[in-house]
């Protein structure tokens, strides 16, 4: 496990201790960082999904049964 020293503004001290609700400050900060990293990963995955949907909309529509299949030879 890595060890880090974090510096917070003095005005965060009381609020941080209260927010931790009796748990360790370390545990509170670790949980907050985990949540932020998960949100960042989710945002990244959703951006990739939007790109795939935009790029492959016709294929996805066919797979969903919304467009009839037209053999490649008959396409314009």
N, C-alpha and C. Protein backbone atom coordinates (compact mmCIF):
# COMPACT_ATOMS: atom_id res chain seq x y z
N UNK A 1 0.85 -1.18 0.00
CA UNK A 1 0.00 0.00 0.00
C UNK A 1 0.89 1.24 0.00
N UNK A 2 0.54 2.18 -0.85
CA UNK A 2 1.31 3.42 -0.94
C UNK A 2 0.93 4.34 0.21
N UNK A 3 1.87 5.16 0.58
CA UNK A 3 1.65 6.16 1.63
C UNK A 3 1.77 7.53 1.00
N UNK A 4 0.82 8.41 1.32
CA UNK A 4 0.83 9.78 0.80
C UNK A 4 0.59 10.75 1.94
N UNK A 5 1.14 11.91 1.78
CA UNK A 5 0.85 12.99 2.70
C UNK A 5 -0.01 13.99 1.94
N UNK A 6 -1.16 14.30 2.50
CA UNK A 6 -2.06 15.26 1.87
C UNK A 6 -2.13 16.51 2.71
N UNK A 7 -2.21 17.63 2.05
CA UNK A 7 -2.35 18.91 2.75
C UNK A 7 -3.71 19.49 2.40
N UNK A 8 -4.49 19.76 3.43
CA UNK A 8 -5.79 20.37 3.25
C UNK A 8 -5.77 21.74 3.88
N UNK A 9 -6.54 22.67 3.34
CA UNK A 9 -6.65 23.99 3.99
C UNK A 9 -7.20 23.82 5.41
N UNK A 10 -6.77 24.68 6.31
CA UNK A 10 -7.20 24.59 7.71
C UNK A 10 -8.72 24.57 7.86
N UNK A 11 -9.40 25.32 7.01
CA UNK A 11 -10.86 25.40 7.15
C UNK A 11 -11.55 24.07 6.82
N UNK A 12 -10.87 23.13 6.20
CA UNK A 12 -11.44 21.81 5.90
C UNK A 12 -11.40 20.89 7.12
N UNK A 13 -10.56 21.17 8.08
CA UNK A 13 -10.31 20.24 9.18
C UNK A 13 -11.58 19.84 9.91
N UNK A 14 -12.31 20.80 10.45
CA UNK A 14 -13.51 20.48 11.23
C UNK A 14 -14.56 19.82 10.36
N UNK A 15 -14.74 20.32 9.14
CA UNK A 15 -15.75 19.76 8.25
C UNK A 15 -15.39 18.32 7.85
N UNK A 16 -14.12 18.08 7.58
CA UNK A 16 -13.67 16.74 7.21
C UNK A 16 -13.87 15.76 8.36
N UNK A 17 -13.50 16.17 9.56
CA UNK A 17 -13.68 15.30 10.73
C UNK A 17 -15.17 15.01 10.98
N UNK A 18 -16.01 16.00 10.78
CA UNK A 18 -17.45 15.79 10.97
C UNK A 18 -18.01 14.87 9.89
N UNK A 19 -17.56 15.07 8.67
CA UNK A 19 -18.05 14.26 7.55
C UNK A 19 -17.64 12.80 7.69
N UNK A 20 -16.50 12.55 8.31
CA UNK A 20 -16.02 11.18 8.49
C UNK A 20 -16.90 10.40 9.46
N UNK A 21 -17.73 11.11 10.23
CA UNK A 21 -18.69 10.50 11.16
C UNK A 21 -18.07 9.45 12.06
N UNK A 22 -16.96 9.76 12.66
CA UNK A 22 -16.34 8.85 13.61
C UNK A 22 -15.42 7.82 12.98
N UNK A 23 -15.47 7.67 11.67
CA UNK A 23 -14.55 6.76 10.98
C UNK A 23 -13.19 7.45 10.87
N UNK A 24 -12.20 6.71 10.44
CA UNK A 24 -10.89 7.34 10.29
C UNK A 24 -10.92 8.30 9.11
N UNK A 25 -10.14 9.35 9.23
CA UNK A 25 -10.01 10.32 8.13
C UNK A 25 -9.44 9.60 6.91
N UNK A 26 -8.49 8.70 7.13
CA UNK A 26 -7.90 7.94 6.03
C UNK A 26 -8.98 7.16 5.28
N UNK A 27 -9.82 6.45 6.00
CA UNK A 27 -10.88 5.67 5.37
C UNK A 27 -11.84 6.55 4.59
N UNK A 28 -12.16 7.71 5.15
CA UNK A 28 -13.05 8.65 4.49
C UNK A 28 -12.43 9.15 3.18
N UNK A 29 -11.17 9.53 3.23
CA UNK A 29 -10.49 10.04 2.03
C UNK A 29 -10.33 8.94 0.99
N UNK A 30 -9.98 7.73 1.42
CA UNK A 30 -9.84 6.61 0.48
C UNK A 30 -11.18 6.36 -0.23
N UNK A 31 -12.27 6.36 0.52
CA UNK A 31 -13.59 6.14 -0.08
C UNK A 31 -13.93 7.26 -1.07
N UNK A 32 -13.63 8.49 -0.71
CA UNK A 32 -13.91 9.62 -1.60
C UNK A 32 -13.10 9.51 -2.89
N UNK A 33 -11.84 9.12 -2.78
CA UNK A 33 -11.00 8.97 -3.97
C UNK A 33 -11.51 7.81 -4.83
N UNK A 34 -11.91 6.71 -4.20
CA UNK A 34 -12.46 5.58 -4.95
C UNK A 34 -13.70 6.00 -5.75
N UNK A 35 -14.57 6.76 -5.10
CA UNK A 35 -15.79 7.22 -5.78
C UNK A 35 -15.46 8.13 -6.96
N UNK A 36 -14.50 9.01 -6.77
CA UNK A 36 -14.11 9.93 -7.85
C UNK A 36 -13.49 9.17 -9.01
N UNK A 37 -12.63 8.21 -8.72
CA UNK A 37 -12.01 7.41 -9.78
C UNK A 37 -13.06 6.60 -10.54
N UNK A 38 -14.03 6.05 -9.82
CA UNK A 38 -15.10 5.29 -10.47
C UNK A 38 -15.91 6.20 -11.39
N UNK A 39 -16.19 7.42 -10.94
CA UNK A 39 -16.93 8.37 -11.77
C UNK A 39 -16.14 8.72 -13.03
N UNK A 40 -14.85 8.88 -12.89
CA UNK A 40 -14.01 9.19 -14.05
C UNK A 40 -13.98 8.03 -15.04
N UNK A 41 -13.88 6.80 -14.52
CA UNK A 41 -13.89 5.62 -15.40
C UNK A 41 -15.24 5.51 -16.11
N UNK A 42 -16.31 5.74 -15.38
CA UNK A 42 -17.64 5.68 -15.97
C UNK A 42 -17.78 6.70 -17.09
N UNK A 43 -17.33 7.91 -16.85
CA UNK A 43 -17.40 8.97 -17.86
C UNK A 43 -16.62 8.56 -19.11
N UNK A 44 -15.47 7.97 -18.93
CA UNK A 44 -14.64 7.53 -20.05
C UNK A 44 -15.32 6.42 -20.84
N UNK A 45 -15.89 5.45 -20.14
CA UNK A 45 -16.58 4.34 -20.79
C UNK A 45 -17.80 4.85 -21.55
N UNK A 46 -18.54 5.78 -20.96
CA UNK A 46 -19.72 6.31 -21.63
C UNK A 46 -19.34 7.09 -22.89
N UNK A 47 -18.22 7.79 -22.87
CA UNK A 47 -17.75 8.50 -24.07
C UNK A 47 -17.42 7.51 -25.18
N UNK A 48 -16.78 6.41 -24.82
CA UNK A 48 -16.47 5.38 -25.81
C UNK A 48 -17.77 4.79 -26.35
N UNK A 49 -18.73 4.52 -25.48
CA UNK A 49 -20.01 3.95 -25.91
C UNK A 49 -20.74 4.89 -26.86
N UNK A 50 -20.72 6.20 -26.57
CA UNK A 50 -21.36 7.17 -27.47
C UNK A 50 -20.70 7.16 -28.83
N UNK A 51 -19.37 7.06 -28.86
CA UNK A 51 -18.65 7.00 -30.13
C UNK A 51 -19.02 5.76 -30.93
N UNK A 52 -19.12 4.62 -30.24
CA UNK A 52 -19.47 3.37 -30.91
C UNK A 52 -20.89 3.46 -31.46
N UNK A 53 -21.81 3.98 -30.67
CA UNK A 53 -23.20 4.10 -31.12
C UNK A 53 -23.28 5.02 -32.34
N UNK A 54 -22.58 6.13 -32.31
CA UNK A 54 -22.60 7.05 -33.45
C UNK A 54 -21.99 6.40 -34.69
N UNK A 55 -20.88 5.72 -34.50
CA UNK A 55 -20.17 5.11 -35.63
C UNK A 55 -20.93 3.92 -36.20
N UNK A 56 -21.55 3.13 -35.35
CA UNK A 56 -22.15 1.87 -35.78
C UNK A 56 -23.67 1.86 -35.64
N UNK A 57 -24.31 3.03 -35.79
CA UNK A 57 -25.75 3.14 -35.59
C UNK A 57 -26.53 2.19 -36.50
N UNK A 58 -26.14 2.09 -37.75
CA UNK A 58 -26.88 1.22 -38.68
C UNK A 58 -26.80 -0.24 -38.25
N UNK A 59 -25.62 -0.68 -37.89
CA UNK A 59 -25.45 -2.06 -37.45
C UNK A 59 -26.26 -2.32 -36.18
N UNK A 60 -26.23 -1.39 -35.25
CA UNK A 60 -26.98 -1.56 -34.01
C UNK A 60 -28.48 -1.58 -34.28
N UNK A 61 -28.95 -0.75 -35.20
CA UNK A 61 -30.37 -0.76 -35.55
C UNK A 61 -30.77 -2.10 -36.16
N UNK A 62 -29.91 -2.64 -37.02
CA UNK A 62 -30.21 -3.95 -37.61
C UNK A 62 -30.24 -5.02 -36.54
N UNK A 63 -29.28 -4.99 -35.64
CA UNK A 63 -29.24 -5.99 -34.56
C UNK A 63 -30.48 -5.88 -33.68
N UNK A 64 -30.97 -4.68 -33.51
CA UNK A 64 -32.16 -4.47 -32.69
C UNK A 64 -33.44 -4.76 -33.46
N UNK A 65 -33.31 -5.07 -34.74
CA UNK A 65 -34.47 -5.40 -35.54
C UNK A 65 -35.24 -4.21 -36.06
N UNK A 66 -34.66 -3.02 -35.99
CA UNK A 66 -35.36 -1.82 -36.44
C UNK A 66 -35.22 -1.57 -37.93
N UNK A 67 -34.21 -2.14 -38.55
CA UNK A 67 -34.00 -1.99 -39.99
C UNK A 67 -33.97 -3.37 -40.62
N UNK A 68 -34.56 -3.51 -41.78
CA UNK A 68 -34.47 -4.81 -42.44
C UNK A 68 -33.06 -5.03 -42.94
N UNK A 69 -32.66 -6.29 -42.96
CA UNK A 69 -31.35 -6.62 -43.49
C UNK A 69 -31.38 -6.56 -45.00
N UNK A 70 -30.46 -5.82 -45.59
CA UNK A 70 -30.33 -5.74 -47.04
C UNK A 70 -28.97 -6.33 -47.39
N UNK A 71 -28.97 -7.38 -48.18
CA UNK A 71 -27.69 -7.99 -48.55
C UNK A 71 -26.76 -6.95 -49.16
N UNK A 72 -25.48 -7.10 -48.90
CA UNK A 72 -24.48 -6.15 -49.34
C UNK A 72 -24.57 -5.89 -50.86
N UNK A 73 -24.84 -6.91 -51.64
CA UNK A 73 -24.90 -6.76 -53.09
C UNK A 73 -26.07 -5.85 -53.52
N UNK A 74 -27.10 -5.75 -52.70
CA UNK A 74 -28.25 -4.94 -53.06
C UNK A 74 -28.20 -3.51 -52.51
N UNK A 75 -27.20 -3.23 -51.72
CA UNK A 75 -27.07 -1.88 -51.15
C UNK A 75 -26.57 -0.91 -52.21
N UNK A 76 -26.94 0.34 -52.07
CA UNK A 76 -26.47 1.38 -52.99
C UNK A 76 -25.14 1.91 -52.58
